[in-house]
């Protein structure tokens, strides 16, 4: 799902192909397996706020997009 936030125009059915295209960029990103758990954590953890949702820096985001543009799907 991280891929979707980088490339919102790509349909969900194509996200696995995107992940395979540049695995070095997406493999180590933090991700969640349960939306329910994410929502519960956000509601009940006092150390989380709306500004805590961004994990990557803008530079990392731009690097991933640049790498993808330089890759060719086979």
N, C-alpha and C. Protein backbone atom coordinates (compact mmCIF):
# COMPACT_ATOMS: atom_id res chain seq x y z
N UNK A 1 0.81 -1.20 0.00
CA UNK A 1 0.00 0.00 0.00
C UNK A 1 0.86 1.27 0.00
N UNK A 2 2.08 1.17 0.47
CA UNK A 2 2.98 2.33 0.40
C UNK A 2 3.12 2.79 -1.05
N UNK A 3 3.16 1.84 -1.95
CA UNK A 3 3.32 2.15 -3.37
C UNK A 3 2.17 3.03 -3.86
N UNK A 4 0.97 2.75 -3.39
CA UNK A 4 -0.21 3.51 -3.81
C UNK A 4 -0.07 4.99 -3.44
N UNK A 5 0.52 5.27 -2.32
CA UNK A 5 0.67 6.66 -1.90
C UNK A 5 1.74 7.39 -2.71
N UNK A 6 2.66 6.65 -3.27
CA UNK A 6 3.66 7.26 -4.15
C UNK A 6 3.13 7.44 -5.57
N UNK A 7 2.32 6.49 -6.01
CA UNK A 7 1.80 6.48 -7.38
C UNK A 7 0.30 6.21 -7.34
N UNK A 8 -0.46 7.22 -7.00
CA UNK A 8 -1.90 7.05 -6.80
C UNK A 8 -2.66 6.69 -8.07
N UNK A 9 -2.09 6.98 -9.22
CA UNK A 9 -2.77 6.68 -10.47
C UNK A 9 -2.69 5.19 -10.84
N UNK A 10 -1.84 4.43 -10.18
CA UNK A 10 -1.70 3.01 -10.47
C UNK A 10 -2.79 2.24 -9.72
N UNK A 11 -3.58 1.41 -10.43
CA UNK A 11 -4.63 0.65 -9.76
C UNK A 11 -4.04 -0.37 -8.78
N UNK A 12 -4.80 -0.69 -7.75
CA UNK A 12 -4.34 -1.63 -6.72
C UNK A 12 -3.90 -2.97 -7.27
N UNK A 13 -4.52 -3.41 -8.36
CA UNK A 13 -4.16 -4.71 -8.95
C UNK A 13 -2.76 -4.70 -9.54
N UNK A 14 -2.20 -3.52 -9.81
CA UNK A 14 -0.86 -3.40 -10.40
C UNK A 14 0.23 -3.13 -9.37
N UNK A 15 -0.14 -2.92 -8.11
CA UNK A 15 0.86 -2.59 -7.08
C UNK A 15 1.88 -3.70 -6.85
N UNK A 16 1.48 -4.99 -6.88
CA UNK A 16 2.51 -6.03 -6.73
C UNK A 16 3.58 -5.97 -7.83
N UNK A 17 3.18 -5.64 -9.04
CA UNK A 17 4.16 -5.52 -10.14
C UNK A 17 5.10 -4.34 -9.89
N UNK A 18 4.57 -3.24 -9.38
CA UNK A 18 5.40 -2.09 -9.04
C UNK A 18 6.40 -2.45 -7.95
N UNK A 19 5.94 -3.17 -6.95
CA UNK A 19 6.81 -3.59 -5.84
C UNK A 19 7.95 -4.48 -6.35
N UNK A 20 7.66 -5.35 -7.31
CA UNK A 20 8.69 -6.22 -7.88
C UNK A 20 9.67 -5.44 -8.75
N UNK A 21 9.20 -4.35 -9.34
CA UNK A 21 10.05 -3.55 -10.22
C UNK A 21 11.17 -2.86 -9.46
N UNK A 22 10.87 -2.38 -8.26
CA UNK A 22 11.89 -1.69 -7.46
C UNK A 22 11.83 -2.19 -6.01
N UNK A 23 12.15 -3.46 -5.79
CA UNK A 23 12.05 -4.02 -4.44
C UNK A 23 13.00 -3.38 -3.44
N UNK A 24 14.13 -2.89 -3.90
CA UNK A 24 15.09 -2.30 -2.96
C UNK A 24 14.53 -1.04 -2.31
N UNK A 25 13.54 -0.44 -2.91
CA UNK A 25 12.96 0.77 -2.35
C UNK A 25 11.81 0.47 -1.38
N UNK A 26 11.00 -0.52 -1.70
CA UNK A 26 9.82 -0.79 -0.88
C UNK A 26 9.99 -1.91 0.13
N UNK A 27 10.97 -2.77 -0.02
CA UNK A 27 11.11 -3.95 0.84
C UNK A 27 11.27 -3.59 2.32
N UNK A 28 12.01 -2.55 2.63
CA UNK A 28 12.31 -2.24 4.03
C UNK A 28 11.40 -1.17 4.65
N UNK A 29 10.39 -0.72 3.91
CA UNK A 29 9.51 0.31 4.45
C UNK A 29 8.59 -0.26 5.53
N UNK A 30 8.32 0.56 6.51
CA UNK A 30 7.37 0.18 7.54
C UNK A 30 5.99 0.04 6.91
N UNK A 31 5.28 -1.00 7.28
CA UNK A 31 3.93 -1.17 6.77
C UNK A 31 3.09 -1.89 7.82
N UNK A 32 1.80 -1.86 7.62
CA UNK A 32 0.86 -2.47 8.56
C UNK A 32 0.08 -3.57 7.87
N UNK A 33 -0.28 -4.59 8.63
CA UNK A 33 -1.06 -5.69 8.08
C UNK A 33 -2.53 -5.58 8.43
N UNK A 34 -2.90 -4.66 9.31
CA UNK A 34 -4.28 -4.54 9.76
C UNK A 34 -4.67 -3.08 9.92
N UNK A 35 -5.67 -2.65 9.15
CA UNK A 35 -6.17 -1.29 9.29
C UNK A 35 -6.83 -1.09 10.64
N UNK A 36 -7.47 -2.13 11.14
CA UNK A 36 -8.10 -2.03 12.46
C UNK A 36 -7.07 -1.72 13.52
N UNK A 37 -5.95 -2.42 13.49
CA UNK A 37 -4.89 -2.18 14.47
C UNK A 37 -4.31 -0.77 14.33
N UNK A 38 -4.13 -0.31 13.11
CA UNK A 38 -3.62 1.04 12.89
C UNK A 38 -4.56 2.07 13.52
N UNK A 39 -5.84 1.92 13.28
CA UNK A 39 -6.80 2.88 13.82
C UNK A 39 -6.84 2.83 15.35
N UNK A 40 -6.81 1.63 15.90
CA UNK A 40 -6.82 1.51 17.36
C UNK A 40 -5.57 2.14 17.97
N UNK A 41 -4.43 1.89 17.36
CA UNK A 41 -3.20 2.51 17.86
C UNK A 41 -3.28 4.03 17.80
N UNK A 42 -3.79 4.55 16.69
CA UNK A 42 -3.87 5.99 16.54
C UNK A 42 -4.79 6.61 17.60
N UNK A 43 -5.89 5.93 17.87
CA UNK A 43 -6.86 6.45 18.84
C UNK A 43 -6.33 6.40 20.27
N UNK A 44 -5.69 5.29 20.62
CA UNK A 44 -5.35 5.07 22.02
C UNK A 44 -3.92 5.44 22.43
N UNK A 45 -3.01 5.56 21.48
CA UNK A 45 -1.64 5.94 21.85
C UNK A 45 -1.53 7.45 21.98
N UNK A 46 -1.11 7.90 23.12
CA UNK A 46 -1.01 9.33 23.39
C UNK A 46 0.18 9.97 22.67
N UNK A 47 1.15 9.14 22.25
CA UNK A 47 2.34 9.69 21.61
C UNK A 47 2.18 9.84 20.09
N UNK A 48 1.02 9.55 19.54
CA UNK A 48 0.77 9.70 18.11
C UNK A 48 -0.14 10.89 17.84
N UNK A 49 0.15 11.58 16.75
CA UNK A 49 -0.72 12.67 16.31
C UNK A 49 -0.78 12.64 14.79
N UNK A 50 -1.54 13.53 14.20
CA UNK A 50 -1.66 13.56 12.74
C UNK A 50 -0.32 13.80 12.05
N UNK A 51 0.57 14.51 12.68
CA UNK A 51 1.86 14.80 12.05
C UNK A 51 2.84 13.63 12.13
N UNK A 52 2.50 12.57 12.84
CA UNK A 52 3.40 11.42 12.98
C UNK A 52 3.23 10.38 11.88
N UNK A 53 2.32 10.58 10.97
CA UNK A 53 2.03 9.53 9.99
C UNK A 53 3.09 9.43 8.89
N UNK A 54 3.90 10.44 8.69
CA UNK A 54 4.90 10.43 7.62
C UNK A 54 6.20 9.82 8.16
N UNK A 55 6.64 8.75 7.51
CA UNK A 55 7.84 8.04 7.94
C UNK A 55 9.04 8.42 7.07
N UNK A 56 8.81 8.52 5.77
CA UNK A 56 9.90 8.82 4.84
C UNK A 56 10.11 10.31 4.67
N UNK A 57 11.32 10.67 4.38
CA UNK A 57 11.62 12.07 4.07
C UNK A 57 11.22 12.34 2.62
N UNK A 58 11.06 13.58 2.28
CA UNK A 58 10.74 13.97 0.90
C UNK A 58 11.86 13.53 -0.04
N UNK A 59 13.10 13.60 0.42
CA UNK A 59 14.24 13.18 -0.41
C UNK A 59 14.14 11.70 -0.75
N UNK A 60 13.77 10.86 0.23
CA UNK A 60 13.61 9.42 -0.04
C UNK A 60 12.47 9.17 -1.03
N UNK A 61 11.37 9.89 -0.88
CA UNK A 61 10.25 9.77 -1.80
C UNK A 61 10.70 10.11 -3.22
N UNK A 62 11.40 11.23 -3.37
CA UNK A 62 11.87 11.65 -4.70
C UNK A 62 12.86 10.66 -5.29
N UNK A 63 13.71 10.08 -4.45
CA UNK A 63 14.67 9.08 -4.93
C UNK A 63 13.94 7.86 -5.48
N UNK A 64 12.93 7.40 -4.80
CA UNK A 64 12.16 6.25 -5.27
C UNK A 64 11.48 6.52 -6.60
N UNK A 65 10.91 7.70 -6.76
CA UNK A 65 10.26 8.05 -8.03
C UNK A 65 11.29 8.13 -9.16
N UNK A 66 12.46 8.68 -8.85
CA UNK A 66 13.52 8.78 -9.87
C UNK A 66 13.98 7.38 -10.30
N UNK A 67 14.15 6.48 -9.33
CA UNK A 67 14.56 5.12 -9.67
C UNK A 67 13.51 4.42 -10.53
N UNK A 68 12.25 4.63 -10.21
CA UNK A 68 11.19 3.99 -10.98
C UNK A 68 11.17 4.51 -12.40
N UNK A 69 11.33 5.81 -12.58
CA UNK A 69 11.33 6.37 -13.93
C UNK A 69 12.50 5.83 -14.75
N UNK A 70 13.61 5.50 -14.09
CA UNK A 70 14.78 4.98 -14.79
C UNK A 70 14.70 3.49 -15.10
N UNK A 71 13.73 2.79 -14.48
CA UNK A 71 13.57 1.34 -14.69
C UNK A 71 12.66 1.08 -15.87
N UNK A 72 12.89 -0.03 -16.51
CA UNK A 72 12.03 -0.46 -17.62
C UNK A 72 11.38 -1.78 -17.22
N UNK A 73 10.06 -1.86 -17.34
CA UNK A 73 9.34 -3.11 -17.06
C UNK A 73 9.58 -4.08 -18.20
N UNK A 74 9.77 -5.35 -17.83
CA UNK A 74 10.07 -6.33 -18.86
C UNK A 74 8.92 -7.08 -19.35
